[in-house]
Amino acid sequence: MIETFKKISFITVLITMAVMFVFLLTDAPYAMISVNVFLVLWSLDKVFLFYFNFDFGIASQLKIKKDAPKILRLLGLIFVLFVLYIGAKGILELFAT
């Protein structure tokens, strides 16, 4: 069950990234909302992986293993929550204007 949700979450993030690139390349109006939605979904995916004690990567060369020290995993989670805050704030600001 968790593995299925993990795959669905990853596919959703990939689709969101593809839509984001299409919107940005076509210079569509409100293209920035796709960036913020991607940031939120990416962050939620990483929080899910952290919660269920999976390995999670926060950059192309940085993967935090499930057996890493707790402080390192916590720092990774804090970074992901910061990205989630930026994305959510961006969405709320776009809808507020």
C-alpha atoms as a PDB file:
ATOM      1  CA  MET A   1       0.000   0.000   0.000  1.00  0.00           C
ATOM      2  CA  ILE A   2       2.744   2.458   0.956  1.00  0.00           C
ATOM      3  CA  GLU A   3       4.834   1.507  -2.095  1.00  0.00           C
ATOM      4  CA  THR A   4       1.844   2.182  -4.360  1.00  0.00           C
ATOM      5  CA  PHE A   5       1.288   5.579  -2.777  1.00  0.00           C
ATOM      6  CA  LYS A   6       5.001   6.298  -3.135  1.00  0.00           C
ATOM      7  CA  LYS A   7       4.864   5.546  -6.882  1.00  0.00           C
ATOM      8  CA  ILE A   8       1.713   7.622  -7.379  1.00  0.00           C
ATOM      9  CA  SER A   9       3.270  10.529  -5.499  1.00  0.00           C
ATOM     10  CA  PHE A  10       6.428  10.365  -7.611  1.00  0.00           C
ATOM     11  CA  ILE A  11       4.455  10.229 -10.866  1.00  0.00           C
ATOM     12  CA  THR A  12       2.347  13.202  -9.742  1.00  0.00           C
ATOM     13  CA  VAL A  13       5.473  15.237  -9.033  1.00  0.00           C
ATOM     14  CA  LEU A  14       6.915  14.343 -12.460  1.00  0.00           C
ATOM     15  CA  ILE A  15       3.705  15.344 -14.231  1.00  0.00           C
ATOM     16  CA  THR A  16       3.597  18.607 -12.294  1.00  0.00           C
ATOM     17  CA  MET A  17       7.200  19.316 -13.281  1.00  0.00           C
ATOM     18  CA  ALA A  18       6.410  18.659 -16.949  1.00  0.00           C
ATOM     19  CA  VAL A  19       3.397  20.995 -16.808  1.00  0.00           C
ATOM     20  CA  MET A  20       5.535  23.612 -15.069  1.00  0.00           C
ATOM     21  CA  PHE A  21       8.137  23.509 -17.845  1.00  0.00           C
ATOM     22  CA  VAL A  22       5.466  23.711 -20.559  1.00  0.00           C
ATOM     23  CA  PHE A  23       3.829  26.709 -18.893  1.00  0.00           C
ATOM     24  CA  LEU A  24       7.147  28.476 -18.406  1.00  0.00           C
ATOM     25  CA  LEU A  25       8.385  27.800 -21.942  1.00  0.00           C
ATOM     26  CA  THR A  26       5.125  28.941 -23.540  1.00  0.00           C
ATOM     27  CA  ASP A  27       5.095  32.039 -21.334  1.00  0.00           C
ATOM     28  CA  ALA A  28       1.565  31.250 -20.218  1.00  0.00           C
ATOM     29  CA  PRO A  29      -0.206  33.633 -17.881  1.00  0.00           C
ATOM     30  CA  TYR A  30       0.033  32.546 -14.250  1.00  0.00           C
ATOM     31  CA  ALA A  31       2.957  30.249 -15.071  1.00  0.00           C
ATOM     32  CA  MET A  32       4.399  30.960 -11.636  1.00  0.00           C
ATOM     33  CA  ILE A  33       1.505  29.141  -9.998  1.00  0.00           C
ATOM     34  CA  SER A  34       2.723  25.937 -11.646  1.00  0.00           C
ATOM     35  CA  VAL A  35       6.143  26.494 -10.053  1.00  0.00           C
ATOM     36  CA  ASN A  36       4.579  26.950  -6.636  1.00  0.00           C
ATOM     37  CA  VAL A  37       2.318  23.908  -7.051  1.00  0.00           C
ATOM     38  CA  PHE A  38       5.369  21.868  -8.014  1.00  0.00           C
ATOM     39  CA  LEU A  39       7.244  23.081  -4.914  1.00  0.00           C
ATOM     40  CA  VAL A  40       4.325  22.151  -2.668  1.00  0.00           C
ATOM     41  CA  LEU A  41       3.853  18.686  -4.180  1.00  0.00           C
ATOM     42  CA  TRP A  42       7.597  18.011  -4.172  1.00  0.00           C
ATOM     43  CA  SER A  43       7.792  19.002  -0.518  1.00  0.00           C
ATOM     44  CA  LEU A  44       4.802  16.898   0.475  1.00  0.00           C
ATOM     45  CA  ASP A  45       6.370  13.926  -1.294  1.00  0.00           C
ATOM     46  CA  LYS A  46       9.565  14.372   0.731  1.00  0.00           C
ATOM     47  CA  VAL A  47       7.630  14.765   3.996  1.00  0.00           C
ATOM     48  CA  PHE A  48       5.793  11.528   3.187  1.00  0.00           C
ATOM     49  CA  LEU A  49       9.098   9.738   2.548  1.00  0.00           C
ATOM     50  CA  PHE A  50      10.536  11.121   5.801  1.00  0.00           C
ATOM     51  CA  TYR A  51       7.481  10.105   7.818  1.00  0.00           C
ATOM     52  CA  PHE A  52       7.565   6.510   6.591  1.00  0.00           C
ATOM     53  CA  ASN A  53      11.358   6.329   7.056  1.00  0.00           C
ATOM     54  CA  PHE A  54      12.340   5.980   3.388  1.00  0.00           C
ATOM     55  CA  ASP A  55      15.456   7.416   1.759  1.00  0.00           C
ATOM     56  CA  PHE A  56      14.688  10.838   0.343  1.00  0.00           C
ATOM     57  CA  GLY A  57      16.712  13.037  -1.945  1.00  0.00           C
ATOM     58  CA  ILE A  58      16.561  16.800  -1.624  1.00  0.00           C
ATOM     59  CA  ALA A  59      18.935  17.550  -4.490  1.00  0.00           C
ATOM     60  CA  SER A  60      20.326  15.686  -7.455  1.00  0.00           C
ATOM     61  CA  GLN A  61      23.495  14.738  -5.562  1.00  0.00           C
ATOM     62  CA  LEU A  62      22.135  14.654  -2.000  1.00  0.00           C
ATOM     63  CA  LYS A  63      20.169  11.672  -0.764  1.00  0.00           C
ATOM     64  CA  ILE A  64      19.404  11.238   2.912  1.00  0.00           C
ATOM     65  CA  LYS A  65      19.411   7.560   3.809  1.00  0.00           C
ATOM     66  CA  LYS A  66      16.889   6.047   6.170  1.00  0.00           C
ATOM     67  CA  ASP A  67      19.678   4.990   8.540  1.00  0.00           C
ATOM     68  CA  ALA A  68      21.299   8.455   8.579  1.00  0.00           C
ATOM     69  CA  PRO A  69      21.726  10.207  11.922  1.00  0.00           C
ATOM     70  CA  LYS A  70      18.491  11.692  13.246  1.00  0.00           C
ATOM     71  CA  ILE A  71      19.874  15.228  13.227  1.00  0.00           C
ATOM     72  CA  LEU A  72      20.751  14.957   9.523  1.00  0.00           C
ATOM     73  CA  ARG A  73      17.284  13.645   8.688  1.00  0.00           C
ATOM     74  CA  LEU A  74      15.755  16.438  10.754  1.00  0.00           C
ATOM     75  CA  LEU A  75      17.822  19.075   8.920  1.00  0.00           C
ATOM     76  CA  GLY A  76      16.632  17.628   5.609  1.00  0.00           C
ATOM     77  CA  LEU A  77      13.038  17.796   6.827  1.00  0.00           C
ATOM     78  CA  ILE A  78      13.484  21.416   7.936  1.00  0.00           C
ATOM     79  CA  PHE A  79      14.795  22.306   4.469  1.00  0.00           C
ATOM     80  CA  VAL A  80      11.835  20.559   2.827  1.00  0.00           C
ATOM     81  CA  LEU A  81       9.382  22.335   5.131  1.00  0.00           C
ATOM     82  CA  PHE A  82      11.020  25.659   4.216  1.00  0.00           C
ATOM     83  CA  VAL A  83      10.471  24.887   0.514  1.00  0.00           C
ATOM     84  CA  LEU A  84       6.861  23.931   1.343  1.00  0.00           C
ATOM     85  CA  TYR A  85       6.403  27.289   3.074  1.00  0.00           C
ATOM     86  CA  ILE A  86       7.795  29.162   0.058  1.00  0.00           C
ATOM     87  CA  GLY A  87       5.495  27.287  -2.340  1.00  0.00           C
ATOM     88  CA  ALA A  88       2.376  27.687  -0.194  1.00  0.00           C
ATOM     89  CA  LYS A  89       3.103  31.380   0.388  1.00  0.00           C
ATOM     90  CA  GLY A  90       3.547  31.886  -3.355  1.00  0.00           C
ATOM     91  CA  ILE A  91       0.221  30.217  -4.126  1.00  0.00           C
ATOM     92  CA  LEU A  92      -1.592  32.296  -1.520  1.00  0.00           C
ATOM     93  CA  GLU A  93      -0.002  35.518  -2.780  1.00  0.00           C
ATOM     94  CA  LEU A  94      -1.010  34.776  -6.381  1.00  0.00           C
ATOM     95  CA  PHE A  95      -4.596  34.109  -5.399  1.00  0.00           C
ATOM     96  CA  ALA A  96      -4.727  37.140  -3.105  1.00  0.00           C
ATOM     97  CA  THR A  97      -3.902  39.559  -5.930  1.00  0.00           C
END
